[in-house]
Amino acid sequence: DVDDAIDVLYDNIDFVTNHTTGMHVHVSFNDEKSYHILNTWDFVSAYQKACKKQEGAVKRLFRSRNRYCKHFTSKQKFVQNNMVAIGSHSDGYNSSRYYTVNYAAYMKNNRKTFEFRSFAATKNKDDAKTVVHWLVGFIEDYINEHYAITQSVRESFDLVGDDADVIVGTKKLPEKTESTVRDENGNIVCLVE
């Protein structure tokens, strides 16, 4: 349980924070589809907007932009950063990690986690629990919404069943990125905007 883990950390570790210290939350999943859903510009854009809204309401829990928690300012910047994260510098210790969502953590030693860096460090364990619960809820809602759309598309193409292997991904189109649904042979069966 997340609350128990936070209790253990806060009850047993004495740490110091200041205005630059962040609380980094690593999130992992049991399925690859969740990683693919969250490794999109649409997710990052929605996440950054939600953080900004929350920061306005509860400033002490969120970090404003700083050099260790930069916002992706465009889809192009997001794509460029991910290319660095998965490229030759994928050791996790390059500048690609200093964004609201650190995708380089996924590549580092095969950890298979995304690191969320938008939160201010706090010595108050109830504040830490609030942040983690908010993050997990946001991620779960986003994934569930995406799965619902995917399931609806599958049903409309009669692809639901044991013999259907549908892959959700993205395809770069001129001036536009759309979600695609592919069959087990890699053929595009539907574009979802």
N, C-alpha and C. Protein backbone atom coordinates (compact mmCIF):
# COMPACT_ATOMS: atom_id res chain seq x y z
N ASP A 1 0.84 -1.19 0.00
CA ASP A 1 0.00 0.00 0.00
C ASP A 1 0.89 1.25 0.00
N VAL A 2 0.51 2.22 -0.80
CA VAL A 2 1.29 3.45 -0.94
C VAL A 2 1.41 4.19 0.39
N ASP A 3 0.32 4.28 1.12
CA ASP A 3 0.35 4.99 2.40
C ASP A 3 1.33 4.34 3.38
N ASP A 4 1.34 3.01 3.42
CA ASP A 4 2.28 2.30 4.30
C ASP A 4 3.72 2.56 3.90
N ALA A 5 4.00 2.55 2.60
CA ALA A 5 5.36 2.80 2.13
C ALA A 5 5.81 4.21 2.50
N ILE A 6 4.93 5.19 2.34
CA ILE A 6 5.27 6.56 2.70
C ILE A 6 5.47 6.68 4.21
N ASP A 7 4.63 6.01 4.99
CA ASP A 7 4.81 6.02 6.44
C ASP A 7 6.18 5.48 6.83
N VAL A 8 6.59 4.37 6.22
CA VAL A 8 7.89 3.78 6.54
C VAL A 8 9.01 4.75 6.20
N LEU A 9 8.94 5.37 5.02
CA LEU A 9 9.98 6.32 4.62
C LEU A 9 10.06 7.50 5.59
N TYR A 10 8.92 8.10 5.85
CA TYR A 10 8.91 9.32 6.67
C TYR A 10 9.20 9.03 8.14
N ASP A 11 8.87 7.84 8.61
CA ASP A 11 9.12 7.51 10.01
C ASP A 11 10.55 7.05 10.27
N ASN A 12 11.28 6.68 9.21
CA ASN A 12 12.61 6.10 9.42
C ASN A 12 13.76 6.85 8.77
N ILE A 13 13.47 7.85 7.96
CA ILE A 13 14.54 8.58 7.28
C ILE A 13 14.43 10.05 7.63
N ASP A 14 15.54 10.60 8.10
CA ASP A 14 15.59 12.03 8.38
C ASP A 14 16.23 12.71 7.17
N PHE A 15 15.50 13.61 6.56
CA PHE A 15 16.03 14.26 5.37
C PHE A 15 15.80 15.76 5.46
N VAL A 16 16.54 16.48 4.62
CA VAL A 16 16.49 17.93 4.60
C VAL A 16 15.97 18.36 3.23
N THR A 17 15.12 19.37 3.21
CA THR A 17 14.63 19.90 1.94
C THR A 17 14.86 21.41 1.89
N ASN A 18 14.85 21.94 0.68
CA ASN A 18 14.86 23.39 0.50
C ASN A 18 14.00 23.70 -0.72
N HIS A 19 13.99 24.94 -1.17
CA HIS A 19 13.10 25.35 -2.25
C HIS A 19 13.41 24.70 -3.60
N THR A 20 14.60 24.11 -3.75
CA THR A 20 14.94 23.46 -5.01
C THR A 20 14.74 21.95 -4.98
N THR A 21 14.48 21.39 -3.81
CA THR A 21 14.36 19.95 -3.67
C THR A 21 13.02 19.46 -4.20
N GLY A 22 13.08 18.40 -4.97
CA GLY A 22 11.85 17.84 -5.53
C GLY A 22 11.58 16.45 -4.99
N MET A 23 10.33 16.06 -5.06
CA MET A 23 9.91 14.69 -4.74
C MET A 23 9.63 14.00 -6.06
N HIS A 24 10.44 13.02 -6.40
CA HIS A 24 10.31 12.32 -7.67
C HIS A 24 9.58 11.01 -7.43
N VAL A 25 8.52 10.79 -8.17
CA VAL A 25 7.70 9.60 -8.00
C VAL A 25 7.87 8.71 -9.23
N HIS A 26 8.34 7.48 -9.01
CA HIS A 26 8.51 6.52 -10.10
C HIS A 26 7.26 5.64 -10.17
N VAL A 27 6.75 5.46 -11.40
CA VAL A 27 5.56 4.67 -11.61
C VAL A 27 5.88 3.57 -12.63
N SER A 28 5.46 2.35 -12.32
CA SER A 28 5.65 1.25 -13.26
C SER A 28 4.31 0.53 -13.45
N PHE A 29 4.25 -0.32 -14.47
CA PHE A 29 3.01 -0.99 -14.83
C PHE A 29 3.27 -2.46 -15.11
N ASN A 30 2.22 -3.26 -15.03
CA ASN A 30 2.32 -4.68 -15.34
C ASN A 30 2.17 -4.98 -16.82
N ASP A 31 1.75 -3.99 -17.60
CA ASP A 31 1.54 -4.22 -19.03
C ASP A 31 2.23 -3.14 -19.85
N GLU A 32 2.66 -3.50 -21.04
CA GLU A 32 3.37 -2.57 -21.92
C GLU A 32 2.45 -1.49 -22.48
N LYS A 33 1.17 -1.79 -22.65
CA LYS A 33 0.26 -0.81 -23.24
C LYS A 33 0.20 0.47 -22.42
N SER A 34 0.25 0.34 -21.11
CA SER A 34 0.20 1.54 -20.26
C SER A 34 1.40 2.44 -20.51
N TYR A 35 2.57 1.85 -20.69
CA TYR A 35 3.76 2.65 -21.01
C TYR A 35 3.56 3.39 -22.33
N HIS A 36 3.02 2.71 -23.31
CA HIS A 36 2.82 3.34 -24.61
C HIS A 36 1.79 4.46 -24.54
N ILE A 37 0.75 4.28 -23.76
CA ILE A 37 -0.27 5.31 -23.61
C ILE A 37 0.32 6.57 -22.97
N LEU A 38 1.18 6.39 -21.98
CA LEU A 38 1.74 7.53 -21.26
C LEU A 38 2.93 8.16 -21.96
N ASN A 39 3.52 7.47 -22.89
CA ASN A 39 4.67 8.02 -23.62
C ASN A 39 4.17 8.71 -24.90
N THR A 40 3.25 9.65 -24.71
CA THR A 40 2.67 10.40 -25.83
C THR A 40 2.62 11.88 -25.47
N TRP A 41 2.64 12.70 -26.49
CA TRP A 41 2.49 14.14 -26.28
C TRP A 41 1.13 14.45 -25.66
N ASP A 42 0.08 13.76 -26.07
CA ASP A 42 -1.24 14.02 -25.52
C ASP A 42 -1.25 13.83 -24.00
N PHE A 43 -0.61 12.75 -23.52
CA PHE A 43 -0.56 12.53 -22.08
C PHE A 43 0.24 13.63 -21.39
N VAL A 44 1.45 13.91 -21.89
CA VAL A 44 2.31 14.90 -21.24
C VAL A 44 1.62 16.27 -21.21
N SER A 45 0.99 16.63 -22.30
CA SER A 45 0.30 17.91 -22.36
C SER A 45 -0.82 17.96 -21.32
N ALA A 46 -1.63 16.91 -21.24
CA ALA A 46 -2.71 16.85 -20.25
C ALA A 46 -2.15 16.87 -18.83
N TYR A 47 -1.07 16.13 -18.59
CA TYR A 47 -0.45 16.06 -17.26
C TYR A 47 0.08 17.44 -16.85
N GLN A 48 0.79 18.11 -17.74
CA GLN A 48 1.36 19.41 -17.40
C GLN A 48 0.25 20.43 -17.12
N LYS A 49 -0.84 20.38 -17.89
CA LYS A 49 -1.97 21.29 -17.63
C LYS A 49 -2.60 20.99 -16.27
N ALA A 50 -2.76 19.72 -15.94
CA ALA A 50 -3.34 19.35 -14.65
C ALA A 50 -2.43 19.78 -13.50
N CYS A 51 -1.12 19.63 -13.67
CA CYS A 51 -0.18 20.08 -12.63
C CYS A 51 -0.27 21.59 -12.43
N LYS A 52 -0.34 22.32 -13.53
CA LYS A 52 -0.43 23.78 -13.43
C LYS A 52 -1.70 24.18 -12.69
N LYS A 53 -2.81 23.51 -12.99
CA LYS A 53 -4.07 23.79 -12.31
C LYS A 53 -3.96 23.46 -10.82
N GLN A 54 -3.38 22.33 -10.50
CA GLN A 54 -3.21 21.93 -9.09
C GLN A 54 -2.25 22.86 -8.37
N GLU A 55 -1.21 23.27 -9.06
CA GLU A 55 -0.22 24.16 -8.45
C GLU A 55 -0.87 25.48 -8.04
N GLY A 56 -1.81 25.94 -8.84
CA GLY A 56 -2.53 27.16 -8.48
C GLY A 56 -3.34 26.99 -7.20
N ALA A 57 -3.86 25.79 -6.98
CA ALA A 57 -4.69 25.52 -5.80
C ALA A 57 -3.86 25.16 -4.58
N VAL A 58 -2.79 24.41 -4.79
CA VAL A 58 -1.98 23.91 -3.66
C VAL A 58 -0.51 24.10 -4.02
N LYS A 59 -0.05 25.33 -4.02
CA LYS A 59 1.29 25.66 -4.49
C LYS A 59 2.39 24.90 -3.75
N ARG A 60 2.24 24.67 -2.47
CA ARG A 60 3.31 24.05 -1.69
C ARG A 60 3.62 22.61 -2.14
N LEU A 61 2.70 21.97 -2.86
CA LEU A 61 2.91 20.57 -3.25
C LEU A 61 3.54 20.41 -4.64
N PHE A 62 3.57 21.47 -5.42
CA PHE A 62 4.06 21.38 -6.80
C PHE A 62 5.23 22.32 -7.00
N ARG A 63 6.15 21.91 -7.87
CA ARG A 63 7.30 22.76 -8.19
C ARG A 63 6.98 23.59 -9.40
N SER A 64 7.30 24.85 -9.31
CA SER A 64 7.23 25.66 -10.52
C SER A 64 8.37 25.24 -11.42
N ARG A 65 8.32 25.66 -12.62
CA ARG A 65 9.38 25.29 -13.57
C ARG A 65 10.75 25.70 -13.00
N ASN A 66 11.64 24.77 -13.02
CA ASN A 66 13.02 25.06 -12.68
C ASN A 66 13.90 24.17 -13.54
N ARG A 67 15.18 24.28 -13.40
CA ARG A 67 16.06 23.56 -14.33
C ARG A 67 16.02 22.05 -14.14
N TYR A 68 15.47 21.57 -13.04
CA TYR A 68 15.38 20.13 -12.80
C TYR A 68 13.98 19.58 -13.08
N CYS A 69 13.07 20.46 -13.48
CA CYS A 69 11.69 20.04 -13.74
C CYS A 69 11.09 20.95 -14.81
N LYS A 70 11.65 20.88 -16.00
CA LYS A 70 11.20 21.76 -17.08
C LYS A 70 9.92 21.19 -17.71
N HIS A 71 9.10 22.09 -18.21
CA HIS A 71 7.92 21.67 -18.95
C HIS A 71 8.30 21.45 -20.40
N PHE A 72 7.71 20.42 -21.00
CA PHE A 72 7.82 20.26 -22.44
C PHE A 72 7.00 21.39 -23.04
N THR A 73 7.60 22.20 -23.89
CA THR A 73 6.92 23.38 -24.42
C THR A 73 6.24 23.13 -25.76
N SER A 74 6.52 22.00 -26.37
CA SER A 74 5.91 21.69 -27.66
C SER A 74 6.03 20.19 -27.93
N LYS A 75 5.23 19.74 -28.87
CA LYS A 75 5.31 18.33 -29.27
C LYS A 75 6.70 18.02 -29.83
N GLN A 76 7.26 18.97 -30.58
CA GLN A 76 8.60 18.78 -31.15
C GLN A 76 9.64 18.59 -30.04
N LYS A 77 9.57 19.40 -29.00
CA LYS A 77 10.52 19.28 -27.88
C LYS A 77 10.35 17.93 -27.18
N PHE A 78 9.12 17.50 -27.02
CA PHE A 78 8.85 16.20 -26.41
C PHE A 78 9.48 15.07 -27.23
N VAL A 79 9.27 15.10 -28.54
CA VAL A 79 9.83 14.06 -29.41
C VAL A 79 11.35 14.09 -29.38
N GLN A 80 11.95 15.28 -29.48
CA GLN A 80 13.41 15.41 -29.44
C GLN A 80 13.96 14.85 -28.13
N ASN A 81 13.31 15.17 -27.02
CA ASN A 81 13.77 14.70 -25.72
C ASN A 81 13.72 13.17 -25.64
N ASN A 82 12.66 12.59 -26.15
CA ASN A 82 12.55 11.13 -26.11
C ASN A 82 13.59 10.47 -27.00
N MET A 83 13.96 11.11 -28.10
CA MET A 83 15.01 10.56 -28.95
C MET A 83 16.34 10.54 -28.20
N VAL A 84 16.61 11.57 -27.43
CA VAL A 84 17.83 11.60 -26.62
C VAL A 84 17.75 10.53 -25.54
N ALA A 85 16.56 10.40 -24.91
CA ALA A 85 16.40 9.44 -23.81
C ALA A 85 16.62 8.01 -24.28
N ILE A 86 16.18 7.67 -25.48
CA ILE A 86 16.33 6.29 -25.95
C ILE A 86 17.53 6.09 -26.85
N GLY A 87 18.23 7.17 -27.13
CA GLY A 87 19.38 7.09 -28.02
C GLY A 87 20.65 6.68 -27.32
N SER A 88 21.75 7.12 -27.85
CA SER A 88 23.05 6.69 -27.35
C SER A 88 23.34 7.18 -25.94
N HIS A 89 22.60 8.17 -25.47
CA HIS A 89 22.82 8.69 -24.12
C HIS A 89 21.79 8.15 -23.14
N SER A 90 21.34 6.92 -23.33
CA SER A 90 20.24 6.39 -22.54
C SER A 90 20.66 5.87 -21.17
N ASP A 91 21.72 6.39 -20.61
CA ASP A 91 22.14 5.96 -19.27
C ASP A 91 21.29 6.59 -18.18
N GLY A 92 20.37 7.48 -18.54
CA GLY A 92 19.49 8.10 -17.56
C GLY A 92 20.10 9.31 -16.88
N TYR A 93 21.35 9.63 -17.15
CA TYR A 93 22.02 10.74 -16.49
C TYR A 93 22.40 11.84 -17.47
N ASN A 94 21.49 12.18 -18.34
CA ASN A 94 21.73 13.30 -19.24
C ASN A 94 20.59 14.30 -19.07
N SER A 95 20.63 15.38 -19.81
CA SER A 95 19.66 16.46 -19.62
C SER A 95 18.24 16.05 -19.97
N SER A 96 18.05 14.92 -20.65
CA SER A 96 16.70 14.51 -21.02
C SER A 96 15.85 14.16 -19.80
N ARG A 97 16.49 13.94 -18.65
CA ARG A 97 15.73 13.57 -17.46
C ARG A 97 15.14 14.76 -16.72
N TYR A 98 15.55 15.97 -17.04
CA TYR A 98 15.14 17.15 -16.28
C TYR A 98 13.83 17.76 -16.77
N TYR A 99 12.83 16.93 -16.98
CA TYR A 99 11.51 17.38 -17.43
C TYR A 99 10.45 16.86 -16.47
N THR A 100 9.23 17.38 -16.61
CA THR A 100 8.14 17.00 -15.72
C THR A 100 7.97 15.49 -15.66
N VAL A 101 8.13 14.84 -16.80
CA VAL A 101 8.12 13.37 -16.85
C VAL A 101 9.46 12.93 -17.42
N ASN A 102 10.17 12.13 -16.67
CA ASN A 102 11.48 11.64 -17.08
C ASN A 102 11.30 10.27 -17.72
N TYR A 103 11.35 10.24 -19.05
CA TYR A 103 11.23 8.98 -19.77
C TYR A 103 12.56 8.23 -19.82
N ALA A 104 13.66 8.92 -19.58
CA ALA A 104 14.97 8.26 -19.58
C ALA A 104 15.05 7.22 -18.46
N ALA A 105 14.28 7.43 -17.38
CA ALA A 105 14.28 6.46 -16.27
C ALA A 105 13.81 5.09 -16.74
N TYR A 106 12.98 5.06 -17.76
CA TYR A 106 12.50 3.79 -18.31
C TYR A 106 13.64 2.98 -18.89
N MET A 107 14.60 3.67 -19.49
CA MET A 107 15.72 3.01 -20.15
C MET A 107 16.85 2.67 -19.18
N LYS A 108 16.96 3.41 -18.10
CA LYS A 108 18.08 3.26 -17.16
C LYS A 108 18.05 1.89 -16.49
N ASN A 109 19.02 1.09 -16.77
CA ASN A 109 19.16 -0.23 -16.14
C ASN A 109 17.88 -1.06 -16.23
N ASN A 110 17.11 -0.84 -17.30
CA ASN A 110 15.88 -1.59 -17.51
C ASN A 110 14.92 -1.48 -16.32
N ARG A 111 14.85 -0.30 -15.71
CA ARG A 111 13.97 -0.09 -14.54
C ARG A 111 12.50 -0.17 -14.91
N LYS A 112 12.18 0.22 -16.12
CA LYS A 112 10.80 0.23 -16.58
C LYS A 112 9.91 1.08 -15.68
N THR A 113 10.37 2.29 -15.38
CA THR A 113 9.55 3.25 -14.65
C THR A 113 9.57 4.58 -15.39
N PHE A 114 8.50 5.32 -15.25
CA PHE A 114 8.47 6.72 -15.65
C PHE A 114 8.58 7.52 -14.36
N GLU A 115 9.44 8.52 -14.37
CA GLU A 115 9.67 9.34 -13.18
C GLU A 115 8.93 10.66 -13.34
N PHE A 116 8.07 10.97 -12.38
CA PHE A 116 7.31 12.22 -12.37
C PHE A 116 7.99 13.17 -11.40
N ARG A 117 8.41 14.35 -11.92
CA ARG A 117 9.28 15.26 -11.17
C ARG A 117 8.60 16.58 -10.81
N SER A 118 7.30 16.66 -10.92
CA SER A 118 6.58 17.93 -10.77
C SER A 118 6.30 18.35 -9.34
N PHE A 119 6.74 17.57 -8.38
CA PHE A 119 6.32 17.79 -7.01
C PHE A 119 7.43 18.34 -6.13
N ALA A 120 7.03 19.25 -5.25
CA ALA A 120 7.97 19.82 -4.30
C ALA A 120 8.21 18.82 -3.17
N ALA A 121 9.43 18.76 -2.70
CA ALA A 121 9.73 17.91 -1.56
C ALA A 121 9.01 18.47 -0.34
N THR A 122 8.61 17.57 0.53
CA THR A 122 7.90 17.99 1.74
C THR A 122 8.30 17.09 2.90
N LYS A 123 8.36 17.65 4.08
CA LYS A 123 8.61 16.86 5.28
C LYS A 123 7.30 16.39 5.91
N ASN A 124 6.19 16.78 5.32
CA ASN A 124 4.87 16.41 5.81
C ASN A 124 4.40 15.17 5.06
N LYS A 125 4.31 14.03 5.74
CA LYS A 125 3.97 12.79 5.04
C LYS A 125 2.54 12.79 4.51
N ASP A 126 1.64 13.54 5.12
CA ASP A 126 0.28 13.63 4.58
C ASP A 126 0.28 14.37 3.24
N ASP A 127 1.12 15.39 3.11
CA ASP A 127 1.26 16.07 1.82
C ASP A 127 1.84 15.13 0.77
N ALA A 128 2.81 14.33 1.16
CA ALA A 128 3.41 13.36 0.23
C ALA A 128 2.35 12.36 -0.23
N LYS A 129 1.53 11.89 0.68
CA LYS A 129 0.46 10.95 0.32
C LYS A 129 -0.54 11.61 -0.63
N THR A 130 -0.87 12.87 -0.37
CA THR A 130 -1.80 13.60 -1.23
C THR A 130 -1.27 13.66 -2.65
N VAL A 131 0.00 13.99 -2.80
CA VAL A 131 0.62 14.09 -4.12
C VAL A 131 0.61 12.74 -4.83
N VAL A 132 1.02 11.70 -4.15
CA VAL A 132 1.10 10.38 -4.79
C VAL A 132 -0.30 9.89 -5.18
N HIS A 133 -1.27 10.08 -4.30
CA HIS A 133 -2.64 9.67 -4.64
C HIS A 133 -3.19 10.47 -5.82
N TRP A 134 -2.89 11.77 -5.85
CA TRP A 134 -3.33 12.58 -6.99
C TRP A 134 -2.70 12.07 -8.28
N LEU A 135 -1.40 11.81 -8.26
CA LEU A 135 -0.70 11.34 -9.45
C LEU A 135 -1.25 10.00 -9.92
N VAL A 136 -1.37 9.05 -9.01
CA VAL A 136 -1.87 7.72 -9.38
C VAL A 136 -3.29 7.82 -9.93
N GLY A 137 -4.12 8.65 -9.31
CA GLY A 137 -5.49 8.83 -9.80
C GLY A 137 -5.51 9.44 -11.19
N PHE A 138 -4.66 10.44 -11.42
CA PHE A 138 -4.59 11.07 -12.73
C PHE A 138 -4.17 10.06 -13.79
N ILE A 139 -3.14 9.29 -13.50
CA ILE A 139 -2.64 8.29 -14.45
C ILE A 139 -3.70 7.22 -14.71
N GLU A 140 -4.32 6.70 -13.64
CA GLU A 140 -5.35 5.66 -13.82
C GLU A 140 -6.51 6.18 -14.66
N ASP A 141 -6.97 7.40 -14.39
CA ASP A 141 -8.07 7.97 -15.17
C ASP A 141 -7.68 8.10 -16.64
N TYR A 142 -6.46 8.57 -16.89
CA TYR A 142 -6.01 8.75 -18.27
C TYR A 142 -5.94 7.40 -19.00
N ILE A 143 -5.35 6.41 -18.36
CA ILE A 143 -5.23 5.09 -18.99
C ILE A 143 -6.60 4.47 -19.20
N ASN A 144 -7.47 4.54 -18.20
CA ASN A 144 -8.81 3.95 -18.33
C ASN A 144 -9.60 4.60 -19.46
N GLU A 145 -9.48 5.91 -19.59
CA GLU A 145 -10.15 6.61 -20.68
C GLU A 145 -9.61 6.13 -22.03
N HIS A 146 -8.29 5.99 -22.11
CA HIS A 146 -7.69 5.53 -23.37
C HIS A 146 -8.10 4.10 -23.68
N TYR A 147 -8.10 3.23 -22.66
CA TYR A 147 -8.52 1.84 -22.87
C TYR A 147 -9.97 1.78 -23.32
N ALA A 148 -10.83 2.64 -22.77
CA ALA A 148 -12.24 2.66 -23.16
C ALA A 148 -12.38 3.01 -24.63
N ILE A 149 -11.62 4.00 -25.09
CA ILE A 149 -11.66 4.37 -26.50
C ILE A 149 -11.15 3.21 -27.36
N THR A 150 -10.06 2.58 -26.93
CA THR A 150 -9.49 1.46 -27.67
C THR A 150 -10.49 0.31 -27.74
N GLN A 151 -11.15 0.00 -26.61
CA GLN A 151 -12.13 -1.09 -26.57
C GLN A 151 -13.28 -0.79 -27.52
N SER A 152 -13.74 0.45 -27.56
CA SER A 152 -14.83 0.85 -28.45
C SER A 152 -14.43 0.66 -29.91
N VAL A 153 -13.20 1.03 -30.24
CA VAL A 153 -12.70 0.84 -31.61
C VAL A 153 -12.60 -0.64 -31.94
N ARG A 154 -12.10 -1.43 -31.00
CA ARG A 154 -12.00 -2.87 -31.22
C ARG A 154 -13.36 -3.46 -31.53
N GLU A 155 -14.36 -3.11 -30.73
CA GLU A 155 -15.70 -3.67 -30.92
C GLU A 155 -16.29 -3.25 -32.25
N SER A 156 -16.04 -2.02 -32.67
CA SER A 156 -16.61 -1.56 -33.93
C SER A 156 -16.01 -2.28 -35.13
N PHE A 157 -14.84 -2.88 -34.96
CA PHE A 157 -14.21 -3.63 -36.03
C PHE A 157 -14.26 -5.14 -35.77
N ASP A 158 -15.08 -5.55 -34.78
CA ASP A 158 -15.20 -6.96 -34.42
C ASP A 158 -13.84 -7.61 -34.20
N LEU A 159 -12.96 -6.90 -33.50
CA LEU A 159 -11.62 -7.43 -33.25
C LEU A 159 -11.46 -7.97 -31.84
N VAL A 160 -12.55 -7.98 -31.07
CA VAL A 160 -12.45 -8.48 -29.70
C VAL A 160 -12.51 -9.99 -29.74
N GLY A 161 -11.64 -10.63 -29.03
CA GLY A 161 -11.61 -12.08 -28.97
C GLY A 161 -10.21 -12.58 -28.79
N ASP A 162 -10.09 -13.87 -28.58
CA ASP A 162 -8.78 -14.47 -28.32
C ASP A 162 -7.84 -14.35 -29.52
N ASP A 163 -8.39 -14.32 -30.73
CA ASP A 163 -7.53 -14.29 -31.90
C ASP A 163 -7.19 -12.87 -32.35
N ALA A 164 -7.69 -11.87 -31.64
CA ALA A 164 -7.40 -10.47 -32.01
C ALA A 164 -6.23 -9.97 -31.19
N ASP A 165 -5.21 -9.49 -31.88
CA ASP A 165 -4.05 -8.91 -31.22
C ASP A 165 -3.94 -7.47 -31.70
N VAL A 166 -4.54 -6.55 -30.97
CA VAL A 166 -4.59 -5.16 -31.38
C VAL A 166 -3.50 -4.40 -30.67
N ILE A 167 -2.75 -3.61 -31.41
CA ILE A 167 -1.66 -2.81 -30.86
C ILE A 167 -2.02 -1.35 -31.01
N VAL A 168 -1.91 -0.59 -29.93
CA VAL A 168 -2.17 0.84 -29.99
C VAL A 168 -0.84 1.55 -30.01
N GLY A 169 -0.67 2.49 -30.92
CA GLY A 169 0.57 3.24 -31.02
C GLY A 169 0.32 4.58 -31.67
N THR A 170 1.36 5.21 -32.12
CA THR A 170 1.20 6.48 -32.82
C THR A 170 1.92 6.43 -34.15
N LYS A 171 1.41 7.20 -35.07
CA LYS A 171 2.02 7.29 -36.40
C LYS A 171 2.13 8.76 -36.74
N LYS A 172 3.30 9.20 -37.12
CA LYS A 172 3.52 10.59 -37.47
C LYS A 172 3.00 10.82 -38.88
N LEU A 173 2.02 11.71 -38.96
CA LEU A 173 1.47 12.10 -40.24
C LEU A 173 1.82 13.56 -40.48
N PRO A 174 1.78 14.03 -41.71
CA PRO A 174 2.12 15.44 -41.96
C PRO A 174 1.26 16.36 -41.10
N GLU A 175 1.93 17.20 -40.31
CA GLU A 175 1.29 18.21 -39.47
C GLU A 175 0.34 17.64 -38.42
N LYS A 176 0.38 16.32 -38.17
CA LYS A 176 -0.59 15.75 -37.27
C LYS A 176 -0.09 14.41 -36.74
N THR A 177 -0.34 14.12 -35.49
CA THR A 177 -0.08 12.80 -34.95
C THR A 177 -1.41 12.22 -34.51
N GLU A 178 -1.70 11.01 -34.94
CA GLU A 178 -2.96 10.37 -34.58
C GLU A 178 -2.67 9.03 -33.95
N SER A 179 -3.58 8.57 -33.11
CA SER A 179 -3.47 7.22 -32.58
C SER A 179 -3.90 6.25 -33.65
N THR A 180 -3.26 5.11 -33.70
CA THR A 180 -3.61 4.10 -34.68
C THR A 180 -3.91 2.79 -33.99
N VAL A 181 -4.80 2.03 -34.57
CA VAL A 181 -5.07 0.67 -34.11
C VAL A 181 -4.66 -0.25 -35.25
N ARG A 182 -3.83 -1.22 -34.91
CA ARG A 182 -3.30 -2.14 -35.91
C ARG A 182 -3.72 -3.57 -35.59
N ASP A 183 -3.85 -4.39 -36.62
CA ASP A 183 -4.12 -5.80 -36.38
C ASP A 183 -2.81 -6.54 -36.13
N GLU A 184 -2.86 -7.87 -35.95
CA GLU A 184 -1.65 -8.61 -35.60
C GLU A 184 -0.60 -8.61 -36.70
N ASN A 185 -0.97 -8.23 -37.93
CA ASN A 185 -0.02 -8.15 -39.03
C ASN A 185 0.57 -6.76 -39.20
N GLY A 186 0.17 -5.84 -38.34
CA GLY A 186 0.68 -4.48 -38.41
C GLY A 186 -0.10 -3.56 -39.34
N ASN A 187 -1.21 -4.05 -39.90
CA ASN A 187 -2.03 -3.24 -40.79
C ASN A 187 -2.87 -2.27 -39.98
N ILE A 188 -2.93 -1.01 -40.44
CA ILE A 188 -3.76 -0.02 -39.75
C ILE A 188 -5.22 -0.34 -40.03
N VAL A 189 -5.99 -0.53 -38.94
CA VAL A 189 -7.41 -0.80 -39.10
C VAL A 189 -8.27 0.40 -38.73
N CYS A 190 -7.67 1.37 -38.01
CA CYS A 190 -8.43 2.56 -37.64
C CYS A 190 -7.49 3.65 -37.18
N LEU A 191 -7.79 4.88 -37.52
CA LEU A 191 -7.09 6.04 -36.98
C LEU A 191 -8.03 6.73 -36.02
N VAL A 192 -7.57 7.02 -34.83
CA VAL A 192 -8.39 7.69 -33.83
C VAL A 192 -7.77 9.03 -33.52
N GLU A 193 -8.52 10.10 -33.74
CA GLU A 193 -7.99 11.42 -33.44
C GLU A 193 -8.29 11.78 -32.01
